[in-house]
Amino acid sequence: MTHSPRISLLLLALLAVLTSVPGLVFEETAGQQLAVECPFNESHALVYQRILEQNASVGEYYEMTCPEFLESMPPETRAHLYNTTMRGPRDIAADRVFVPPGK
């Protein structure tokens, strides 16, 4: 199965974003931790692209791809995700300043 370079780039970008926000959540229930797992699939890359185009939040992304993740977290954490805009790889790179070696 072959993918176009654009799909591969989207999948890599999504992977980068997912590593910065936990994909496995532990919820305390009566002293026990319950894991909420959100398996990645190709449709998540399409949702990710749409979220970037709409300048939507990380919370909105998880609402579409793994609502159990949002339901299992404290309200203040959920509010933070809804107040954080989803950033693409170009946005992240735009914050960096290149300083040549030896300068």
PDB file of N, CA and C in Angstrom:
ATOM      1  N   MET A   1       0.839  -1.166   0.000  1.00  0.00           N
ATOM      2  CA  MET A   1       0.000   0.000   0.000  1.00  0.00           C
ATOM      3  C   MET A   1       0.889   1.236   0.000  1.00  0.00           C
ATOM      4  N   THR A   2       0.735   2.112  -0.964  1.00  0.00           N
ATOM      5  CA  THR A   2       1.554   3.312  -1.029  1.00  0.00           C
ATOM      6  C   THR A   2       0.704   4.531  -0.719  1.00  0.00           C
ATOM      7  N   HIS A   3       1.354   5.511  -0.134  1.00  0.00           N
ATOM      8  CA  HIS A   3       0.698   6.767   0.211  1.00  0.00           C
ATOM      9  C   HIS A   3       1.376   7.888  -0.555  1.00  0.00           C
ATOM     10  N   SER A   4       0.629   8.916  -0.827  1.00  0.00           N
ATOM     11  CA  SER A   4       1.239  10.081  -1.454  1.00  0.00           C
ATOM     12  C   SER A   4       2.124  10.770  -0.422  1.00  0.00           C
ATOM     13  N   PRO A   5       3.119  11.544  -0.865  1.00  0.00           N
ATOM     14  CA  PRO A   5       3.982  12.260   0.077  1.00  0.00           C
ATOM     15  C   PRO A   5       3.186  13.199   0.993  1.00  0.00           C
ATOM     16  N   ARG A   6       2.106  13.766   0.481  1.00  0.00           N
ATOM     17  CA  ARG A   6       1.300  14.687   1.290  1.00  0.00           C
ATOM     18  C   ARG A   6       0.659  13.953   2.469  1.00  0.00           C
ATOM     19  N   ILE A   7       0.115  12.757   2.220  1.00  0.00           N
ATOM     20  CA  ILE A   7      -0.485  11.971   3.304  1.00  0.00           C
ATOM     21  C   ILE A   7       0.587  11.588   4.317  1.00  0.00           C
ATOM     22  N   SER A   8       1.750  11.196   3.838  1.00  0.00           N
ATOM     23  CA  SER A   8       2.845  10.832   4.743  1.00  0.00           C
ATOM     24  C   SER A   8       3.246  12.014   5.610  1.00  0.00           C
ATOM     25  N   LEU A   9       3.325  13.196   5.004  1.00  0.00           N
ATOM     26  CA  LEU A   9       3.670  14.405   5.754  1.00  0.00           C
ATOM     27  C   LEU A   9       2.606  14.710   6.800  1.00  0.00           C
ATOM     28  N   LEU A  10       1.346  14.558   6.432  1.00  0.00           N
ATOM     29  CA  LEU A  10       0.259  14.793   7.386  1.00  0.00           C
ATOM     30  C   LEU A  10       0.324  13.813   8.550  1.00  0.00           C
ATOM     31  N   LEU A  11       0.607  12.560   8.248  1.00  0.00           N
ATOM     32  CA  LEU A  11       0.710  11.561   9.307  1.00  0.00           C
ATOM     33  C   LEU A  11       1.873  11.863  10.240  1.00  0.00           C
ATOM     34  N   LEU A  12       3.001  12.287   9.687  1.00  0.00           N
ATOM     35  CA  LEU A  12       4.147  12.649  10.522  1.00  0.00           C
ATOM     36  C   LEU A  12       3.842  13.869  11.380  1.00  0.00           C
ATOM     37  N   ALA A  13       3.169  14.857  10.794  1.00  0.00           N
ATOM     38  CA  ALA A  13       2.803  16.056  11.550  1.00  0.00           C
ATOM     39  C   ALA A  13       1.851  15.697  12.681  1.00  0.00           C
ATOM     40  N   LEU A  14       0.892  14.849  12.392  1.00  0.00           N
ATOM     41  CA  LEU A  14      -0.053  14.424  13.419  1.00  0.00           C
ATOM     42  C   LEU A  14       0.663  13.656  14.520  1.00  0.00           C
ATOM     43  N   LEU A  15       1.592  12.826  14.145  1.00  0.00           N
ATOM     44  CA  LEU A  15       2.366  12.084  15.131  1.00  0.00           C
ATOM     45  C   LEU A  15       3.127  13.043  16.037  1.00  0.00           C
ATOM     46  N   ALA A  16       3.701  14.095  15.459  1.00  0.00           N
ATOM     47  CA  ALA A  16       4.425  15.092  16.252  1.00  0.00           C
ATOM     48  C   ALA A  16       3.499  15.769  17.252  1.00  0.00           C
ATOM     49  N   VAL A  17       2.303  16.105  16.816  1.00  0.00           N
ATOM     50  CA  VAL A  17       1.342  16.749  17.715  1.00  0.00           C
ATOM     51  C   VAL A  17       0.895  15.785  18.803  1.00  0.00           C
ATOM     52  N   LEU A  18       0.631  14.552  18.428  1.00  0.00           N
ATOM     53  CA  LEU A  18       0.164  13.573  19.403  1.00  0.00           C
ATOM     54  C   LEU A  18       1.212  13.254  20.457  1.00  0.00           C
ATOM     55  N   THR A  19       2.490  13.376  20.120  1.00  0.00           N
ATOM     56  CA  THR A  19       3.521  13.123  21.121  1.00  0.00           C
ATOM     57  C   THR A  19       3.603  14.254  22.127  1.00  0.00           C
ATOM     58  N   SER A  20       3.108  15.446  21.754  1.00  0.00           N
ATOM     59  CA  SER A  20       3.133  16.562  22.696  1.00  0.00           C
ATOM     60  C   SER A  20       1.909  16.580  23.600  1.00  0.00           C
ATOM     61  N   VAL A  21       0.850  15.858  23.246  1.00  0.00           N
ATOM     62  CA  VAL A  21      -0.355  15.755  24.068  1.00  0.00           C
ATOM     63  C   VAL A  21      -0.583  14.274  24.325  1.00  0.00           C
ATOM     64  N   PRO A  22      -0.732  13.887  25.591  1.00  0.00           N
ATOM     65  CA  PRO A  22      -0.843  12.456  25.887  1.00  0.00           C
ATOM     66  C   PRO A  22      -1.998  11.783  25.166  1.00  0.00           C
ATOM     67  N   GLY A  23      -1.750  10.601  24.664  1.00  0.00           N
ATOM     68  CA  GLY A  23      -2.780   9.832  23.987  1.00  0.00           C
ATOM     69  C   GLY A  23      -3.344   8.737  24.866  1.00  0.00           C
ATOM     70  N   LEU A  24      -2.687   8.491  25.963  1.00  0.00           N
ATOM     71  CA  LEU A  24      -3.148   7.493  26.912  1.00  0.00           C
ATOM     72  C   LEU A  24      -3.391   8.225  28.220  1.00  0.00           C
ATOM     73  N   VAL A  25      -4.593   8.146  28.725  1.00  0.00           N
ATOM     74  CA  VAL A  25      -4.981   8.912  29.899  1.00  0.00           C
ATOM     75  C   VAL A  25      -5.281   7.950  31.031  1.00  0.00           C
ATOM     76  N   PHE A  26      -4.883   8.334  32.220  1.00  0.00           N
ATOM     77  CA  PHE A  26      -5.206   7.540  33.390  1.00  0.00           C
ATOM     78  C   PHE A  26      -6.164   8.330  34.258  1.00  0.00           C
ATOM     79  N   GLU A  27      -7.267   7.709  34.617  1.00  0.00           N
ATOM     80  CA  GLU A  27      -8.295   8.352  35.422  1.00  0.00           C
ATOM     81  C   GLU A  27      -8.354   7.644  36.768  1.00  0.00           C
ATOM     82  N   GLU A  28      -8.320   8.425  37.836  1.00  0.00           N
ATOM     83  CA  GLU A  28      -8.422   7.856  39.174  1.00  0.00           C
ATOM     84  C   GLU A  28      -9.881   7.547  39.491  1.00  0.00           C
ATOM     85  N   THR A  29     -10.174   6.316  39.821  1.00  0.00           N
ATOM     86  CA  THR A  29     -11.512   5.921  40.232  1.00  0.00           C
ATOM     87  C   THR A  29     -11.374   4.996  41.430  1.00  0.00           C
ATOM     88  N   ALA A  30     -11.747   5.491  42.582  1.00  0.00           N
ATOM     89  CA  ALA A  30     -11.676   4.707  43.821  1.00  0.00           C
ATOM     90  C   ALA A  30     -10.289   4.111  44.024  1.00  0.00           C
ATOM     91  N   GLY A  31      -9.251   4.925  43.801  1.00  0.00           N
ATOM     92  CA  GLY A  31      -7.889   4.475  44.018  1.00  0.00           C
ATOM     93  C   GLY A  31      -7.289   3.684  42.880  1.00  0.00           C
ATOM     94  N   GLN A  32      -8.061   3.412  41.836  1.00  0.00           N
ATOM     95  CA  GLN A  32      -7.552   2.668  40.685  1.00  0.00           C
ATOM     96  C   GLN A  32      -7.357   3.611  39.511  1.00  0.00           C
ATOM     97  N   GLN A  33      -6.403   3.288  38.672  1.00  0.00           N
ATOM     98  CA  GLN A  33      -6.194   4.061  37.450  1.00  0.00           C
ATOM     99  C   GLN A  33      -6.802   3.307  36.279  1.00  0.00           C
ATOM    100  N   LEU A  34      -7.649   3.985  35.526  1.00  0.00           N
ATOM    101  CA  LEU A  34      -8.253   3.387  34.342  1.00  0.00           C
ATOM    102  C   LEU A  34      -7.657   4.045  33.111  1.00  0.00           C
ATOM    103  N   ALA A  35      -7.167   3.267  32.187  1.00  0.00           N
ATOM    104  CA  ALA A  35      -6.553   3.810  30.972  1.00  0.00           C
ATOM    105  C   ALA A  35      -7.617   4.027  29.904  1.00  0.00           C
ATOM    106  N   VAL A  36      -7.501   5.157  29.221  1.00  0.00           N
ATOM    107  CA  VAL A  36      -8.354   5.440  28.066  1.00  0.00           C
ATOM    108  C   VAL A  36      -7.431   5.454  26.866  1.00  0.00           C
ATOM    109  N   GLU A  37      -7.611   4.507  25.966  1.00  0.00           N
ATOM    110  CA  GLU A  37      -6.733   4.395  24.811  1.00  0.00           C
ATOM    111  C   GLU A  37      -7.415   4.952  23.568  1.00  0.00           C
ATOM    112  N   CYS A  38      -6.656   5.723  22.797  1.00  0.00           N
ATOM    113  CA  CYS A  38      -7.172   6.299  21.554  1.00  0.00           C
ATOM    114  C   CYS A  38      -6.279   5.841  20.409  1.00  0.00           C
ATOM    115  N   PRO A  39      -6.605   4.739  19.761  1.00  0.00           N
ATOM    116  CA  PRO A  39      -5.763   4.262  18.663  1.00  0.00           C
ATOM    117  C   PRO A  39      -5.788   5.227  17.482  1.00  0.00           C
ATOM    118  N   PHE A  40      -4.645   5.400  16.865  1.00  0.00           N
ATOM    119  CA  PHE A  40      -4.504   6.296  15.717  1.00  0.00           C
ATOM    120  C   PHE A  40      -4.930   5.571  14.448  1.00  0.00           C
ATOM    121  N   ASN A  41      -5.641   6.275  13.568  1.00  0.00           N
ATOM    122  CA  ASN A  41      -5.954   5.714  12.257  1.00  0.00           C
ATOM    123  C   ASN A  41      -5.876   6.819  11.208  1.00  0.00           C
ATOM    124  N   GLU A  42      -5.988   6.455   9.951  1.00  0.00           N
ATOM    125  CA  GLU A  42      -5.813   7.424   8.863  1.00  0.00           C
ATOM    126  C   GLU A  42      -6.835   8.545   8.885  1.00  0.00           C
ATOM    127  N   SER A  43      -8.040   8.288   9.361  1.00  0.00           N
ATOM    128  CA  SER A  43      -9.044   9.351   9.391  1.00  0.00           C
ATOM    129  C   SER A  43      -8.631  10.468  10.339  1.00  0.00           C
ATOM    130  N   HIS A  44      -7.807  10.157  11.345  1.00  0.00           N
ATOM    131  CA  HIS A  44      -7.323  11.195  12.250  1.00  0.00           C
ATOM    132  C   HIS A  44      -6.466  12.213  11.508  1.00  0.00           C
ATOM    133  N   ALA A  45      -5.710  11.761  10.512  1.00  0.00           N
ATOM    134  CA  ALA A  45      -4.893  12.684   9.714  1.00  0.00           C
ATOM    135  C   ALA A  45      -5.783  13.646   8.936  1.00  0.00           C
ATOM    136  N   LEU A  46      -6.900  13.161   8.436  1.00  0.00           N
ATOM    137  CA  LEU A  46      -7.830  14.032   7.712  1.00  0.00           C
ATOM    138  C   LEU A  46      -8.483  15.036   8.654  1.00  0.00           C
ATOM    139  N   VAL A  47      -8.851  14.580   9.847  1.00  0.00           N
ATOM    140  CA  VAL A  47      -9.424  15.486  10.848  1.00  0.00           C
ATOM    141  C   VAL A  47      -8.385  16.532  11.236  1.00  0.00           C
ATOM    142  N   TYR A  48      -7.144  16.098  11.432  1.00  0.00           N
ATOM    143  CA  TYR A  48      -6.054  17.011  11.778  1.00  0.00           C
ATOM    144  C   TYR A  48      -5.905  18.106  10.724  1.00  0.00           C
ATOM    145  N   GLN A  49      -5.922  17.728   9.463  1.00  0.00           N
ATOM    146  CA  GLN A  49      -5.793  18.708   8.377  1.00  0.00           C
ATOM    147  C   GLN A  49      -6.959  19.697   8.408  1.00  0.00           C
ATOM    148  N   ARG A  50      -8.162  19.197   8.624  1.00  0.00           N
ATOM    149  CA  ARG A  50      -9.343  20.065   8.671  1.00  0.00           C
ATOM    150  C   ARG A  50      -9.262  21.022   9.869  1.00  0.00           C
ATOM    151  N   ILE A  51      -8.796  20.521  11.001  1.00  0.00           N
ATOM    152  CA  ILE A  51      -8.646  21.355  12.202  1.00  0.00           C
ATOM    153  C   ILE A  51      -7.649  22.477  11.936  1.00  0.00           C
ATOM    154  N   LEU A  52      -6.533  22.156  11.267  1.00  0.00           N
ATOM    155  CA  LEU A  52      -5.544  23.189  10.950  1.00  0.00           C
ATOM    156  C   LEU A  52      -6.138  24.253  10.039  1.00  0.00           C
ATOM    157  N   GLU A  53      -6.896  23.827   9.038  1.00  0.00           N
ATOM    158  CA  GLU A  53      -7.500  24.782   8.105  1.00  0.00           C
ATOM    159  C   GLU A  53      -8.499  25.690   8.808  1.00  0.00           C
ATOM    160  N   GLN A  54      -9.179  25.186   9.817  1.00  0.00           N
ATOM    161  CA  GLN A  54     -10.190  25.963  10.536  1.00  0.00           C
ATOM    162  C   GLN A  54      -9.602  26.739  11.708  1.00  0.00           C
ATOM    163  N   ASN A  55      -8.306  26.573  11.959  1.00  0.00           N
ATOM    164  CA  ASN A  55      -7.643  27.224  13.087  1.00  0.00           C
ATOM    165  C   ASN A  55      -8.356  26.859  14.400  1.00  0.00           C
ATOM    166  N   ALA A  56      -8.718  25.597  14.525  1.00  0.00           N
ATOM    167  CA  ALA A  56      -9.485  25.115  15.675  1.00  0.00           C
ATOM    168  C   ALA A  56      -8.554  24.698  16.814  1.00  0.00           C
ATOM    169  N   SER A  57      -9.142  24.279  17.906  1.00  0.00           N
ATOM    170  CA  SER A  57      -8.375  23.966  19.110  1.00  0.00           C
ATOM    171  C   SER A  57      -8.010  22.484  19.208  1.00  0.00           C
ATOM    172  N   VAL A  58      -7.075  22.213  20.105  1.00  0.00           N
ATOM    173  CA  VAL A  58      -6.684  20.834  20.391  1.00  0.00           C
ATOM    174  C   VAL A  58      -7.887  20.079  20.965  1.00  0.00           C
ATOM    175  N   GLY A  59      -8.681  20.757  21.788  1.00  0.00           N
ATOM    176  CA  GLY A  59      -9.883  20.143  22.351  1.00  0.00           C
ATOM    177  C   GLY A  59     -10.861  19.705  21.276  1.00  0.00           C
ATOM    178  N   GLU A  60     -11.035  20.541  20.253  1.00  0.00           N
ATOM    179  CA  GLU A  60     -11.937  20.187  19.156  1.00  0.00           C
ATOM    180  C   GLU A  60     -11.413  18.973  18.386  1.00  0.00           C
ATOM    181  N   TYR A  61     -10.083  18.881  18.257  1.00  0.00           N
ATOM    182  CA  TYR A  61      -9.491  17.713  17.596  1.00  0.00           C
ATOM    183  C   TYR A  61      -9.841  16.438  18.368  1.00  0.00           C
ATOM    184  N   TYR A  62      -9.607  16.454  19.684  1.00  0.00           N
ATOM    185  CA  TYR A  62      -9.898  15.270  20.487  1.00  0.00           C
ATOM    186  C   TYR A  62     -11.390  14.987  20.564  1.00  0.00           C
ATOM    187  N   GLU A  63     -12.212  16.020  20.493  1.00  0.00           N
ATOM    188  CA  GLU A  63     -13.665  15.836  20.474  1.00  0.00           C
ATOM    189  C   GLU A  63     -14.081  14.976  19.280  1.00  0.00           C
ATOM    190  N   MET A  64     -13.391  15.165  18.158  1.00  0.00           N
ATOM    191  CA  MET A  64     -13.723  14.417  16.942  1.00  0.00           C
ATOM    192  C   MET A  64     -13.046  13.057  16.864  1.00  0.00           C
ATOM    193  N   THR A  65     -11.865  12.925  17.462  1.00  0.00           N
ATOM    194  CA  THR A  65     -11.099  11.685  17.303  1.00  0.00           C
ATOM    195  C   THR A  65     -11.143  10.758  18.509  1.00  0.00           C
ATOM    196  N   CYS A  66     -11.265  11.315  19.707  1.00  0.00           N
ATOM    197  CA  CYS A  66     -11.243  10.481  20.914  1.00  0.00           C
ATOM    198  C   CYS A  66     -11.978  11.188  22.052  1.00  0.00           C
ATOM    199  N   PRO A  67     -13.308  11.243  21.982  1.00  0.00           N
ATOM    200  CA  PRO A  67     -14.065  11.957  23.009  1.00  0.00           C
ATOM    201  C   PRO A  67     -13.878  11.378  24.417  1.00  0.00           C
ATOM    202  N   GLU A  68     -13.551  10.091  24.515  1.00  0.00           N
ATOM    203  CA  GLU A  68     -13.315   9.485  25.828  1.00  0.00           C
ATOM    204  C   GLU A  68     -12.148  10.164  26.539  1.00  0.00           C
ATOM    205  N   PHE A  69     -11.177  10.614  25.760  1.00  0.00           N
ATOM    206  CA  PHE A  69     -10.011  11.305  26.298  1.00  0.00           C
ATOM    207  C   PHE A  69     -10.452  12.572  27.031  1.00  0.00           C
ATOM    208  N   LEU A  70     -11.318  13.366  26.403  1.00  0.00           N
ATOM    209  CA  LEU A  70     -11.798  14.605  27.018  1.00  0.00           C
ATOM    210  C   LEU A  70     -12.675  14.329  28.234  1.00  0.00           C
ATOM    211  N   GLU A  71     -13.534  13.340  28.137  1.00  0.00           N
ATOM    212  CA  GLU A  71     -14.460  13.032  29.226  1.00  0.00           C
ATOM    213  C   GLU A  71     -13.739  12.573  30.481  1.00  0.00           C
ATOM    214  N   SER A  72     -12.558  12.000  30.323  1.00  0.00           N
ATOM    215  CA  SER A  72     -11.848  11.425  31.460  1.00  0.00           C
ATOM    216  C   SER A  72     -10.962  12.424  32.197  1.00  0.00           C
ATOM    217  N   MET A  73     -10.829  13.647  31.691  1.00  0.00           N
ATOM    218  CA  MET A  73      -9.902  14.597  32.307  1.00  0.00           C
ATOM    219  C   MET A  73     -10.625  15.633  33.157  1.00  0.00           C
ATOM    220  N   PRO A  74      -9.898  16.265  34.067  1.00  0.00           N
ATOM    221  CA  PRO A  74     -10.494  17.313  34.898  1.00  0.00           C
ATOM    222  C   PRO A  74     -10.954  18.497  34.039  1.00  0.00           C
ATOM    223  N   PRO A  75     -11.993  19.210  34.473  1.00  0.00           N
ATOM    224  CA  PRO A  75     -12.535  20.326  33.689  1.00  0.00           C
ATOM    225  C   PRO A  75     -11.509  21.405  33.352  1.00  0.00           C
ATOM    226  N   GLU A  76     -10.589  21.698  34.270  1.00  0.00           N
ATOM    227  CA  GLU A  76      -9.597  22.751  33.994  1.00  0.00           C
ATOM    228  C   GLU A  76      -8.617  22.328  32.899  1.00  0.00           C
ATOM    229  N   THR A  77      -8.282  21.053  32.844  1.00  0.00           N
ATOM    230  CA  THR A  77      -7.409  20.552  31.780  1.00  0.00           C
ATOM    231  C   THR A  77      -8.142  20.586  30.446  1.00  0.00           C
ATOM    232  N   ARG A  78      -9.398  20.168  30.452  1.00  0.00           N
ATOM    233  CA  ARG A  78     -10.218  20.202  29.243  1.00  0.00           C
ATOM    234  C   ARG A  78     -10.337  21.639  28.727  1.00  0.00           C
ATOM    235  N   ALA A  79     -10.561  22.587  29.626  1.00  0.00           N
ATOM    236  CA  ALA A  79     -10.667  23.998  29.228  1.00  0.00           C
ATOM    237  C   ALA A  79      -9.370  24.474  28.584  1.00  0.00           C
ATOM    238  N   HIS A  80      -8.234  24.031  29.132  1.00  0.00           N
ATOM    239  CA  HIS A  80      -6.941  24.417  28.552  1.00  0.00           C
ATOM    240  C   HIS A  80      -6.810  23.902  27.117  1.00  0.00           C
ATOM    241  N   LEU A  81      -7.226  22.666  26.860  1.00  0.00           N
ATOM    242  CA  LEU A  81      -7.140  22.119  25.504  1.00  0.00           C
ATOM    243  C   LEU A  81      -8.039  22.882  24.538  1.00  0.00           C
ATOM    244  N   TYR A  82      -9.199  23.310  25.006  1.00  0.00           N
ATOM    245  CA  TYR A  82     -10.098  24.085  24.147  1.00  0.00           C
ATOM    246  C   TYR A  82      -9.580  25.508  23.917  1.00  0.00           C
ATOM    247  N   ASN A  83      -8.692  25.977  24.783  1.00  0.00           N
ATOM    248  CA  ASN A  83      -8.102  27.309  24.613  1.00  0.00           C
ATOM    249  C   ASN A  83      -6.754  27.271  23.907  1.00  0.00           C
ATOM    250  N   THR A  84      -6.319  26.081  23.496  1.00  0.00           N
ATOM    251  CA  THR A  84      -5.040  25.922  22.805  1.00  0.00           C
ATOM    252  C   THR A  84      -5.297  25.617  21.338  1.00  0.00           C
ATOM    253  N   THR A  85      -4.821  26.497  20.459  1.00  0.00           N
ATOM    254  CA  THR A  85      -5.009  26.309  19.022  1.00  0.00           C
ATOM    255  C   THR A  85      -4.106  25.195  18.524  1.00  0.00           C
ATOM    256  N   MET A  86      -4.650  24.325  17.705  1.00  0.00           N
ATOM    257  CA  MET A  86      -3.870  23.243  17.093  1.00  0.00           C
ATOM    258  C   MET A  86      -2.853  23.875  16.155  1.00  0.00           C
ATOM    259  N   ARG A  87      -1.616  23.456  16.283  1.00  0.00           N
ATOM    260  CA  ARG A  87      -0.552  24.029  15.464  1.00  0.00           C
ATOM    261  C   ARG A  87       0.010  22.975  14.535  1.00  0.00           C
ATOM    262  N   GLY A  88       0.303  23.395  13.313  1.00  0.00           N
ATOM    263  CA  GLY A  88       0.899  22.510  12.326  1.00  0.00           C
ATOM    264  C   GLY A  88       2.412  22.588  12.381  1.00  0.00           C
ATOM    265  N   PRO A  89       3.098  21.738  11.633  1.00  0.00           N
ATOM    266  CA  PRO A  89       4.560  21.729  11.653  1.00  0.00           C
ATOM    267  C   PRO A  89       5.162  23.051  11.188  1.00  0.00           C
ATOM    268  N   ARG A  90       4.526  23.721  10.260  1.00  0.00           N
ATOM    269  CA  ARG A  90       5.051  25.013   9.805  1.00  0.00           C
ATOM    270  C   ARG A  90       4.904  26.068  10.886  1.00  0.00           C
ATOM    271  N   ASP A  91       3.818  26.031  11.643  1.00  0.00           N
ATOM    272  CA  ASP A  91       3.619  26.979  12.737  1.00  0.00           C
ATOM    273  C   ASP A  91       4.685  26.797  13.810  1.00  0.00           C
ATOM    274  N   ILE A  92       4.968  25.550  14.133  1.00  0.00           N
ATOM    275  CA  ILE A  92       5.959  25.264  15.165  1.00  0.00           C
ATOM    276  C   ILE A  92       7.333  25.734  14.711  1.00  0.00           C
ATOM    277  N   ALA A  93       7.684  25.472  13.457  1.00  0.00           N
ATOM    278  CA  ALA A  93       8.986  25.884  12.926  1.00  0.00           C
ATOM    279  C   ALA A  93       9.091  27.403  12.836  1.00  0.00           C
ATOM    280  N   ALA A  94       7.973  28.110  12.687  1.00  0.00           N
ATOM    281  CA  ALA A  94       7.995  29.569  12.554  1.00  0.00           C
ATOM    282  C   ALA A  94       8.480  30.240  13.835  1.00  0.00           C
ATOM    283  N   ASP A  95       8.361  29.566  14.974  1.00  0.00           N
ATOM    284  CA  ASP A  95       8.806  30.131  16.246  1.00  0.00           C
ATOM    285  C   ASP A  95      10.319  30.042  16.433  1.00  0.00           C
ATOM    286  N   ARG A  96      10.978  29.345  15.576  1.00  0.00           N
ATOM    287  CA  ARG A  96      12.414  29.106  15.749  1.00  0.00           C
ATOM    288  C   ARG A  96      13.228  30.084  14.914  1.00  0.00           C
ATOM    289  N   VAL A  97      14.336  30.481  15.465  1.00  0.00           N
ATOM    290  CA  VAL A  97      15.245  31.378  14.758  1.00  0.00           C
ATOM    291  C   VAL A  97      16.523  30.604  14.489  1.00  0.00           C
ATOM    292  N   PHE A  98      16.935  30.590  13.228  1.00  0.00           N
ATOM    293  CA  PHE A  98      18.157  29.878  12.866  1.00  0.00           C
ATOM    294  C   PHE A  98      19.364  30.752  13.173  1.00  0.00           C
ATOM    295  N   VAL A  99      20.283  30.210  13.944  1.00  0.00           N
ATOM    296  CA  VAL A  99      21.537  30.900  14.244  1.00  0.00           C
ATOM    297  C   VAL A  99      22.645  30.040  13.669  1.00  0.00           C
ATOM    298  N   PRO A 100      23.369  30.562  12.651  1.00  0.00           N
ATOM    299  CA  PRO A 100      24.443  29.772  12.043  1.00  0.00           C
ATOM    300  C   PRO A 100      25.528  29.435  13.064  1.00  0.00           C
ATOM    301  N   PRO A 101      26.171  28.273  12.916  1.00  0.00           N
ATOM    302  CA  PRO A 101      27.249  27.896  13.837  1.00  0.00           C
ATOM    303  C   PRO A 101      28.383  28.918  13.786  1.00  0.00           C
ATOM    304  N   GLY A 102      28.983  29.147  14.933  1.00  0.00           N
ATOM    305  CA  GLY A 102      30.124  30.061  14.994  1.00  0.00           C
ATOM    306  C   GLY A 102      29.739  31.527  15.061  1.00  0.00           C
ATOM    307  N   LYS A 103      28.491  31.843  15.206  1.00  0.00           N
ATOM    308  CA  LYS A 103      28.083  33.259  15.279  1.00  0.00           C
ATOM    309  C   LYS A 103      27.648  33.593  16.669  1.00  0.00           C
TER     310      LYS A 103
END
